[in-house]
Amino acid sequence: MTSTHDQPSGQTRARTRETTIDDPQEMGRLARELPGIDFLRAVIEQQFRVPIGATLDFRLSEVEPGRCLFIAEPSEFMFNAIGTLHGGYYAAVLDAALGVAVHSELPQGVGYTTLELKVNIVRPYTLGAGPLRVEGRVLHSGRRTAVSEASVLDRNGKLYAHATSTCLIIGPV
């Protein structure tokens, strides 16, 4: 069944978007050649356009061992049909912060993968609410697993979402 929707004069529903990314294979090679903290500092200093971050408009802004900060600027294409930010967006940016916090403590040639991700969304984000800060930190770093937590905050420190993760340490890769 096909339906049509009348649009007010001069308005269109269609939007287009173009994204430029850096080669993920090349970034992966560099990630394996450097200790985690050095690789992540290179991501910031060289302004790498990491595919998931470039696609979803978030970027790594700060990193130190066991801690990271992303700046996220959600766009209208990330919203659901009821006009709020889709929960999958929160999961994606939180997973990035959770993993980067863990990666910041890994030695050269050691990697990780997410084993478990738990996300709690505590309030809706609406278009025009401004940039978000996504802060991640390691709670435990062992030989085989690491546990981290991350929060999504607005410019006033108001919490929008929180997550925890368990990562499997893989190495050397």
N, C-alpha and C. Protein backbone atom coordinates (compact mmCIF):
# COMPACT_ATOMS: atom_id res chain seq x y z
N MET A 1 0.85 -1.17 0.00
CA MET A 1 0.00 0.00 0.00
C MET A 1 0.89 1.23 0.00
N THR A 2 0.61 2.18 -0.82
CA THR A 2 1.36 3.42 -0.92
C THR A 2 0.49 4.55 -0.44
N SER A 3 1.06 5.43 0.32
CA SER A 3 0.31 6.61 0.75
C SER A 3 1.12 7.85 0.42
N THR A 4 0.46 8.93 0.24
CA THR A 4 1.13 10.20 -0.02
C THR A 4 0.77 11.16 1.09
N HIS A 5 1.66 12.08 1.34
CA HIS A 5 1.43 13.08 2.38
C HIS A 5 1.61 14.45 1.76
N ASP A 6 0.61 15.28 1.89
CA ASP A 6 0.73 16.65 1.40
C ASP A 6 1.71 17.41 2.28
N GLN A 7 2.58 18.17 1.65
CA GLN A 7 3.55 19.00 2.36
C GLN A 7 3.15 20.46 2.19
N PRO A 8 3.32 21.24 3.26
CA PRO A 8 3.06 22.68 3.11
C PRO A 8 3.95 23.26 2.01
N SER A 9 3.46 24.26 1.34
CA SER A 9 4.19 24.88 0.24
C SER A 9 5.60 25.26 0.65
N GLY A 10 6.58 24.88 -0.18
CA GLY A 10 7.98 25.23 0.05
C GLY A 10 8.73 24.31 0.99
N GLN A 11 8.08 23.31 1.59
CA GLN A 11 8.77 22.40 2.51
C GLN A 11 8.97 21.05 1.85
N THR A 12 10.06 20.40 2.17
CA THR A 12 10.30 19.04 1.68
C THR A 12 10.68 18.17 2.85
N ARG A 13 10.44 16.89 2.70
CA ARG A 13 10.83 15.94 3.73
C ARG A 13 12.24 15.43 3.49
N ALA A 14 12.71 15.50 2.28
CA ALA A 14 13.99 14.89 1.92
C ALA A 14 15.17 15.68 2.48
N ARG A 15 16.16 14.94 2.96
CA ARG A 15 17.42 15.51 3.42
C ARG A 15 18.53 14.63 2.83
N THR A 16 19.67 15.20 2.58
CA THR A 16 20.83 14.42 2.15
C THR A 16 21.98 14.74 3.08
N ARG A 17 22.92 13.81 3.14
CA ARG A 17 24.07 13.97 4.03
C ARG A 17 25.26 13.26 3.41
N GLU A 18 26.40 13.88 3.47
CA GLU A 18 27.64 13.27 2.96
C GLU A 18 28.63 13.19 4.12
N THR A 19 29.33 12.06 4.22
CA THR A 19 30.28 11.85 5.31
C THR A 19 31.63 11.48 4.72
N THR A 20 32.69 12.08 5.26
CA THR A 20 34.05 11.74 4.86
C THR A 20 34.72 11.04 6.03
N ILE A 21 35.33 9.89 5.75
CA ILE A 21 36.01 9.10 6.79
C ILE A 21 37.45 8.83 6.38
N ASP A 22 38.27 8.49 7.36
CA ASP A 22 39.63 8.02 7.09
C ASP A 22 39.61 6.50 7.00
N ASP A 23 40.63 5.94 6.38
CA ASP A 23 40.72 4.50 6.13
C ASP A 23 40.78 3.72 7.44
N PRO A 24 39.75 2.92 7.76
CA PRO A 24 39.76 2.18 9.02
C PRO A 24 40.85 1.11 9.08
N GLN A 25 41.26 0.57 7.95
CA GLN A 25 42.33 -0.43 7.94
C GLN A 25 43.66 0.21 8.35
N GLU A 26 43.90 1.40 7.86
CA GLU A 26 45.12 2.12 8.21
C GLU A 26 45.12 2.51 9.69
N MET A 27 43.98 2.96 10.20
CA MET A 27 43.89 3.28 11.63
C MET A 27 44.10 2.02 12.47
N GLY A 28 43.55 0.90 12.03
CA GLY A 28 43.72 -0.37 12.75
C GLY A 28 45.17 -0.79 12.82
N ARG A 29 45.89 -0.60 11.69
CA ARG A 29 47.32 -0.93 11.67
C ARG A 29 48.07 -0.08 12.69
N LEU A 30 47.78 1.21 12.70
CA LEU A 30 48.44 2.12 13.64
C LEU A 30 48.08 1.75 15.08
N ALA A 31 46.85 1.37 15.31
CA ALA A 31 46.41 0.98 16.66
C ALA A 31 47.20 -0.22 17.17
N ARG A 32 47.54 -1.14 16.29
CA ARG A 32 48.31 -2.33 16.71
C ARG A 32 49.79 -2.02 16.92
N GLU A 33 50.28 -0.96 16.29
CA GLU A 33 51.70 -0.61 16.37
C GLU A 33 52.05 0.27 17.57
N LEU A 34 51.07 0.87 18.19
CA LEU A 34 51.33 1.82 19.28
C LEU A 34 50.65 1.37 20.57
N PRO A 35 51.19 1.76 21.72
CA PRO A 35 50.44 1.57 22.96
C PRO A 35 49.11 2.32 22.84
N GLY A 36 48.08 1.84 23.52
CA GLY A 36 46.75 2.42 23.40
C GLY A 36 46.70 3.91 23.59
N ILE A 37 47.33 4.43 24.63
CA ILE A 37 47.27 5.87 24.91
C ILE A 37 47.92 6.68 23.79
N ASP A 38 49.02 6.16 23.22
CA ASP A 38 49.70 6.88 22.13
C ASP A 38 48.85 6.89 20.87
N PHE A 39 48.19 5.78 20.58
CA PHE A 39 47.30 5.73 19.42
C PHE A 39 46.16 6.73 19.59
N LEU A 40 45.53 6.75 20.75
CA LEU A 40 44.40 7.64 20.97
C LEU A 40 44.81 9.11 20.94
N ARG A 41 45.99 9.41 21.44
CA ARG A 41 46.49 10.79 21.33
C ARG A 41 46.71 11.17 19.87
N ALA A 42 47.17 10.21 19.06
CA ALA A 42 47.34 10.45 17.62
C ALA A 42 45.99 10.71 16.95
N VAL A 43 44.97 9.99 17.37
CA VAL A 43 43.62 10.20 16.82
C VAL A 43 43.20 11.65 17.04
N ILE A 44 43.47 12.17 18.23
CA ILE A 44 43.10 13.56 18.54
C ILE A 44 44.00 14.53 17.78
N GLU A 45 45.31 14.36 17.89
CA GLU A 45 46.25 15.30 17.29
C GLU A 45 46.15 15.36 15.77
N GLN A 46 45.96 14.20 15.14
CA GLN A 46 45.89 14.15 13.68
C GLN A 46 44.46 14.30 13.16
N GLN A 47 43.52 14.49 14.08
CA GLN A 47 42.11 14.70 13.75
C GLN A 47 41.59 13.62 12.80
N PHE A 48 41.87 12.36 13.15
CA PHE A 48 41.35 11.25 12.35
C PHE A 48 39.83 11.32 12.29
N ARG A 49 39.30 11.02 11.13
CA ARG A 49 37.86 10.92 10.95
C ARG A 49 37.51 9.43 11.08
N VAL A 50 37.33 9.01 12.33
CA VAL A 50 36.99 7.61 12.62
C VAL A 50 35.61 7.35 12.04
N PRO A 51 35.43 6.25 11.29
CA PRO A 51 34.16 6.05 10.58
C PRO A 51 32.90 6.19 11.44
N ILE A 52 32.81 5.53 12.58
CA ILE A 52 31.59 5.62 13.38
C ILE A 52 31.40 7.03 13.94
N GLY A 53 32.47 7.67 14.34
CA GLY A 53 32.37 9.03 14.87
C GLY A 53 32.00 10.04 13.81
N ALA A 54 32.60 9.92 12.62
CA ALA A 54 32.27 10.83 11.52
C ALA A 54 30.83 10.64 11.07
N THR A 55 30.38 9.40 11.07
CA THR A 55 29.01 9.10 10.64
C THR A 55 27.99 9.63 11.64
N LEU A 56 28.28 9.51 12.92
CA LEU A 56 27.32 9.90 13.96
C LEU A 56 27.68 11.21 14.67
N ASP A 57 28.62 11.96 14.11
CA ASP A 57 28.96 13.30 14.62
C ASP A 57 29.42 13.31 16.07
N PHE A 58 30.39 12.45 16.40
CA PHE A 58 31.06 12.56 17.69
C PHE A 58 32.55 12.35 17.48
N ARG A 59 33.35 12.98 18.36
CA ARG A 59 34.80 12.90 18.21
C ARG A 59 35.48 12.85 19.57
N LEU A 60 36.60 12.14 19.57
CA LEU A 60 37.42 12.07 20.78
C LEU A 60 38.07 13.42 21.00
N SER A 61 37.92 13.97 22.21
CA SER A 61 38.42 15.29 22.52
C SER A 61 39.57 15.27 23.52
N GLU A 62 39.50 14.36 24.50
CA GLU A 62 40.54 14.25 25.53
C GLU A 62 40.75 12.78 25.86
N VAL A 63 41.99 12.46 26.22
CA VAL A 63 42.27 11.10 26.67
C VAL A 63 43.46 11.13 27.63
N GLU A 64 43.37 10.32 28.65
CA GLU A 64 44.47 10.05 29.57
C GLU A 64 44.28 8.60 29.99
N PRO A 65 45.28 7.97 30.58
CA PRO A 65 45.10 6.56 30.95
C PRO A 65 43.86 6.35 31.82
N GLY A 66 42.95 5.50 31.32
CA GLY A 66 41.75 5.16 32.07
C GLY A 66 40.60 6.13 31.97
N ARG A 67 40.73 7.18 31.15
CA ARG A 67 39.68 8.20 31.04
C ARG A 67 39.66 8.81 29.65
N CYS A 68 38.45 9.14 29.18
CA CYS A 68 38.34 9.82 27.88
C CYS A 68 37.11 10.72 27.86
N LEU A 69 37.11 11.63 26.91
CA LEU A 69 35.99 12.54 26.71
C LEU A 69 35.73 12.67 25.22
N PHE A 70 34.48 12.44 24.84
CA PHE A 70 34.02 12.68 23.48
C PHE A 70 33.08 13.87 23.49
N ILE A 71 33.05 14.61 22.38
CA ILE A 71 32.05 15.65 22.16
C ILE A 71 31.13 15.12 21.08
N ALA A 72 29.83 15.12 21.36
CA ALA A 72 28.83 14.62 20.43
C ALA A 72 27.87 15.74 20.07
N GLU A 73 27.56 15.84 18.78
CA GLU A 73 26.62 16.85 18.32
C GLU A 73 25.54 16.18 17.47
N PRO A 74 24.53 15.61 18.14
CA PRO A 74 23.48 14.89 17.41
C PRO A 74 22.77 15.77 16.38
N SER A 75 22.53 15.19 15.21
CA SER A 75 21.83 15.86 14.12
C SER A 75 20.45 15.25 13.94
N GLU A 76 19.62 15.91 13.16
CA GLU A 76 18.23 15.47 13.00
C GLU A 76 18.10 14.06 12.42
N PHE A 77 19.07 13.60 11.65
CA PHE A 77 18.94 12.26 11.07
C PHE A 77 19.11 11.16 12.12
N MET A 78 19.49 11.50 13.34
CA MET A 78 19.65 10.53 14.42
C MET A 78 18.40 10.42 15.29
N PHE A 79 17.35 11.13 14.90
CA PHE A 79 16.14 11.18 15.71
C PHE A 79 15.13 10.15 15.25
N ASN A 80 14.29 9.74 16.19
CA ASN A 80 13.24 8.78 15.87
C ASN A 80 11.98 9.53 15.44
N ALA A 81 10.93 8.78 15.16
CA ALA A 81 9.69 9.36 14.65
C ALA A 81 8.95 10.22 15.67
N ILE A 82 9.30 10.14 16.95
CA ILE A 82 8.62 10.97 17.95
C ILE A 82 9.43 12.21 18.32
N GLY A 83 10.51 12.47 17.56
CA GLY A 83 11.24 13.72 17.71
C GLY A 83 12.31 13.76 18.78
N THR A 84 12.74 12.59 19.26
CA THR A 84 13.83 12.54 20.24
C THR A 84 14.97 11.69 19.70
N LEU A 85 16.12 11.84 20.30
CA LEU A 85 17.31 11.11 19.89
C LEU A 85 17.08 9.60 20.05
N HIS A 86 17.41 8.85 19.03
CA HIS A 86 17.22 7.40 19.04
C HIS A 86 18.13 6.75 20.08
N GLY A 87 17.62 5.76 20.78
CA GLY A 87 18.39 5.06 21.81
C GLY A 87 19.66 4.42 21.28
N GLY A 88 19.64 4.00 20.03
CA GLY A 88 20.84 3.41 19.42
C GLY A 88 21.99 4.40 19.34
N TYR A 89 21.68 5.69 19.22
CA TYR A 89 22.73 6.70 19.21
C TYR A 89 23.43 6.72 20.56
N TYR A 90 22.65 6.74 21.63
CA TYR A 90 23.26 6.69 22.96
C TYR A 90 24.15 5.46 23.09
N ALA A 91 23.66 4.31 22.67
CA ALA A 91 24.44 3.08 22.77
C ALA A 91 25.75 3.19 22.01
N ALA A 92 25.71 3.78 20.81
CA ALA A 92 26.92 3.89 19.99
C ALA A 92 27.96 4.81 20.63
N VAL A 93 27.55 6.00 21.07
CA VAL A 93 28.53 6.92 21.64
C VAL A 93 29.03 6.44 22.99
N LEU A 94 28.16 5.81 23.76
CA LEU A 94 28.60 5.27 25.05
C LEU A 94 29.56 4.10 24.85
N ASP A 95 29.28 3.22 23.89
CA ASP A 95 30.17 2.10 23.61
C ASP A 95 31.55 2.61 23.19
N ALA A 96 31.59 3.68 22.42
CA ALA A 96 32.88 4.27 22.02
C ALA A 96 33.65 4.75 23.24
N ALA A 97 33.01 5.48 24.13
CA ALA A 97 33.69 6.00 25.32
C ALA A 97 34.12 4.87 26.25
N LEU A 98 33.27 3.87 26.41
CA LEU A 98 33.60 2.72 27.26
C LEU A 98 34.84 2.00 26.73
N GLY A 99 34.86 1.76 25.43
CA GLY A 99 35.99 1.05 24.83
C GLY A 99 37.27 1.86 24.79
N VAL A 100 37.16 3.15 24.46
CA VAL A 100 38.35 3.99 24.41
C VAL A 100 38.98 4.13 25.78
N ALA A 101 38.19 4.24 26.83
CA ALA A 101 38.75 4.30 28.18
C ALA A 101 39.57 3.05 28.45
N VAL A 102 39.06 1.88 28.07
CA VAL A 102 39.80 0.63 28.24
C VAL A 102 41.05 0.63 27.36
N HIS A 103 40.88 1.00 26.09
CA HIS A 103 42.02 0.99 25.14
C HIS A 103 43.16 1.89 25.61
N SER A 104 42.82 2.96 26.33
CA SER A 104 43.84 3.91 26.79
C SER A 104 44.83 3.28 27.76
N GLU A 105 44.49 2.13 28.33
CA GLU A 105 45.37 1.46 29.28
C GLU A 105 46.07 0.24 28.70
N LEU A 106 45.83 -0.06 27.43
CA LEU A 106 46.39 -1.28 26.85
C LEU A 106 47.78 -1.06 26.28
N PRO A 107 48.66 -2.06 26.41
CA PRO A 107 49.98 -1.96 25.81
C PRO A 107 49.93 -2.20 24.29
N GLN A 108 51.02 -1.92 23.63
CA GLN A 108 51.13 -2.14 22.18
C GLN A 108 50.76 -3.58 21.84
N GLY A 109 49.99 -3.73 20.76
CA GLY A 109 49.64 -5.05 20.26
C GLY A 109 48.52 -5.76 20.99
N VAL A 110 47.94 -5.12 21.98
CA VAL A 110 46.84 -5.72 22.74
C VAL A 110 45.56 -4.97 22.39
N GLY A 111 44.48 -5.72 22.12
CA GLY A 111 43.21 -5.12 21.76
C GLY A 111 42.12 -5.51 22.73
N TYR A 112 40.89 -5.22 22.38
CA TYR A 112 39.74 -5.53 23.23
C TYR A 112 38.52 -5.67 22.34
N THR A 113 37.48 -6.24 22.89
CA THR A 113 36.16 -6.22 22.27
C THR A 113 35.12 -6.16 23.37
N THR A 114 34.00 -5.56 23.07
CA THR A 114 32.91 -5.45 24.04
C THR A 114 32.27 -6.81 24.25
N LEU A 115 32.21 -7.25 25.50
CA LEU A 115 31.50 -8.48 25.85
C LEU A 115 30.06 -8.19 26.26
N GLU A 116 29.87 -7.10 26.97
CA GLU A 116 28.55 -6.77 27.52
C GLU A 116 28.42 -5.26 27.58
N LEU A 117 27.23 -4.78 27.26
CA LEU A 117 26.94 -3.35 27.27
C LEU A 117 25.57 -3.14 27.91
N LYS A 118 25.50 -2.28 28.91
CA LYS A 118 24.25 -1.97 29.60
C LYS A 118 24.05 -0.47 29.55
N VAL A 119 22.95 -0.04 28.92
CA VAL A 119 22.67 1.39 28.73
C VAL A 119 21.39 1.77 29.47
N ASN A 120 21.44 2.89 30.19
CA ASN A 120 20.26 3.48 30.82
C ASN A 120 20.09 4.89 30.26
N ILE A 121 18.95 5.16 29.65
CA ILE A 121 18.63 6.50 29.15
C ILE A 121 17.70 7.13 30.18
N VAL A 122 18.09 8.30 30.70
CA VAL A 122 17.33 8.88 31.80
C VAL A 122 16.47 10.08 31.40
N ARG A 123 16.73 10.67 30.22
CA ARG A 123 15.89 11.78 29.75
C ARG A 123 16.06 11.91 28.24
N PRO A 124 15.03 12.43 27.57
CA PRO A 124 15.12 12.59 26.11
C PRO A 124 15.97 13.80 25.72
N TYR A 125 16.66 13.65 24.62
CA TYR A 125 17.40 14.75 24.02
C TYR A 125 16.62 15.21 22.80
N THR A 126 16.39 16.50 22.70
CA THR A 126 15.66 17.04 21.56
C THR A 126 16.56 17.93 20.73
N LEU A 127 16.21 18.06 19.47
CA LEU A 127 17.01 18.87 18.54
C LEU A 127 17.18 20.28 19.08
N GLY A 128 18.40 20.77 19.01
CA GLY A 128 18.69 22.12 19.46
C GLY A 128 19.15 22.21 20.90
N ALA A 129 19.26 21.08 21.59
CA ALA A 129 19.66 21.09 23.00
C ALA A 129 21.16 21.33 23.17
N GLY A 130 21.91 21.32 22.08
CA GLY A 130 23.34 21.62 22.16
C GLY A 130 24.21 20.38 22.21
N PRO A 131 25.52 20.59 22.19
CA PRO A 131 26.45 19.46 22.20
C PRO A 131 26.40 18.68 23.51
N LEU A 132 26.81 17.44 23.42
CA LEU A 132 26.86 16.55 24.58
C LEU A 132 28.29 16.15 24.87
N ARG A 133 28.58 15.92 26.14
CA ARG A 133 29.87 15.40 26.60
C ARG A 133 29.66 13.94 26.95
N VAL A 134 30.50 13.09 26.42
CA VAL A 134 30.42 11.66 26.70
C VAL A 134 31.73 11.28 27.39
N GLU A 135 31.65 11.03 28.69
CA GLU A 135 32.83 10.78 29.51
C GLU A 135 32.90 9.30 29.87
N GLY A 136 34.06 8.71 29.62
CA GLY A 136 34.27 7.30 29.95
C GLY A 136 35.43 7.14 30.90
N ARG A 137 35.34 6.10 31.75
CA ARG A 137 36.46 5.81 32.65
C ARG A 137 36.47 4.32 33.00
N VAL A 138 37.67 3.84 33.25
CA VAL A 138 37.87 2.43 33.62
C VAL A 138 37.61 2.26 35.10
N LEU A 139 36.84 1.23 35.43
CA LEU A 139 36.59 0.88 36.83
C LEU A 139 37.51 -0.25 37.28
N HIS A 140 37.82 -1.16 36.36
CA HIS A 140 38.69 -2.31 36.66
C HIS A 140 39.40 -2.72 35.37
N SER A 141 40.68 -2.97 35.48
CA SER A 141 41.44 -3.42 34.33
C SER A 141 42.27 -4.63 34.75
N GLY A 142 41.86 -5.79 34.26
CA GLY A 142 42.56 -7.03 34.59
C GLY A 142 43.31 -7.59 33.39
N ARG A 143 43.83 -8.80 33.56
CA ARG A 143 44.58 -9.44 32.49
C ARG A 143 43.67 -9.88 31.34
N ARG A 144 42.45 -10.33 31.64
CA ARG A 144 41.55 -10.87 30.62
C ARG A 144 40.30 -10.02 30.40
N THR A 145 39.89 -9.23 31.38
CA THR A 145 38.71 -8.39 31.22
C THR A 145 38.94 -7.01 31.82
N ALA A 146 38.12 -6.08 31.38
CA ALA A 146 38.12 -4.73 31.94
C ALA A 146 36.67 -4.29 32.05
N VAL A 147 36.39 -3.46 33.04
CA VAL A 147 35.04 -2.92 33.25
C VAL A 147 35.15 -1.40 33.21
N SER A 148 34.23 -0.78 32.47
CA SER A 148 34.24 0.68 32.37
C SER A 148 32.83 1.23 32.49
N GLU A 149 32.76 2.54 32.73
CA GLU A 149 31.47 3.22 32.81
C GLU A 149 31.58 4.51 32.00
N ALA A 150 30.44 4.99 31.51
CA ALA A 150 30.42 6.23 30.75
C ALA A 150 29.09 6.94 30.97
N SER A 151 29.12 8.26 30.80
CA SER A 151 27.93 9.09 30.97
C SER A 151 27.81 10.07 29.83
N VAL A 152 26.57 10.38 29.45
CA VAL A 152 26.27 11.42 28.46
C VAL A 152 25.68 12.59 29.23
N LEU A 153 26.33 13.75 29.12
CA LEU A 153 25.95 14.95 29.87
C LEU A 153 25.78 16.14 28.93
N ASP A 154 24.89 17.05 29.27
CA ASP A 154 24.80 18.27 28.49
C ASP A 154 25.81 19.29 29.02
N ARG A 155 25.79 20.47 28.46
CA ARG A 155 26.79 21.50 28.83
C ARG A 155 26.66 21.96 30.28
N ASN A 156 25.50 21.71 30.89
CA ASN A 156 25.29 22.08 32.30
C ASN A 156 25.52 20.92 33.25
N GLY A 157 25.98 19.78 32.71
CA GLY A 157 26.24 18.62 33.54
C GLY A 157 25.02 17.75 33.81
N LYS A 158 23.90 18.02 33.13
CA LYS A 158 22.68 17.22 33.31
C LYS A 158 22.87 15.88 32.61
N LEU A 159 22.55 14.80 33.32
CA LEU A 159 22.72 13.44 32.81
C LEU A 159 21.59 13.07 31.85
N TYR A 160 21.98 12.54 30.67
CA TYR A 160 21.02 12.04 29.68
C TYR A 160 21.04 10.52 29.61
N ALA A 161 22.22 9.92 29.75
CA ALA A 161 22.32 8.46 29.69
C ALA A 161 23.60 8.02 30.39
N HIS A 162 23.60 6.76 30.82
CA HIS A 162 24.73 6.18 31.53
C HIS A 162 24.88 4.74 31.07
N ALA A 163 26.11 4.24 31.04
CA ALA A 163 26.31 2.84 30.62
C ALA A 163 27.49 2.23 31.35
N THR A 164 27.48 0.91 31.41
CA THR A 164 28.63 0.14 31.87
C THR A 164 28.93 -0.93 30.83
N SER A 165 30.17 -1.39 30.84
CA SER A 165 30.58 -2.38 29.87
C SER A 165 31.64 -3.29 30.48
N THR A 166 31.64 -4.53 30.02
CA THR A 166 32.72 -5.46 30.27
C THR A 166 33.38 -5.73 28.93
N CYS A 167 34.69 -5.60 28.89
CA CYS A 167 35.44 -5.83 27.66
C CYS A 167 36.36 -7.03 27.84
N LEU A 168 36.52 -7.81 26.80
CA LEU A 168 37.47 -8.90 26.76
C LEU A 168 38.78 -8.35 26.22
N ILE A 169 39.87 -8.57 26.95
CA ILE A 169 41.18 -8.15 26.52
C ILE A 169 41.73 -9.24 25.58
N ILE A 170 42.18 -8.82 24.41
CA ILE A 170 42.66 -9.73 23.38
C ILE A 170 44.11 -9.36 23.06
N GLY A 171 44.99 -10.29 23.27
CA GLY A 171 46.35 -9.92 22.91
C GLY A 171 47.34 -11.03 23.05
N PRO A 172 48.45 -10.80 22.43
CA PRO A 172 48.65 -9.71 21.46
C PRO A 172 47.91 -10.00 20.16
N VAL A 173 47.54 -8.93 19.46
CA VAL A 173 46.80 -9.07 18.19
C VAL A 173 47.73 -8.90 17.01
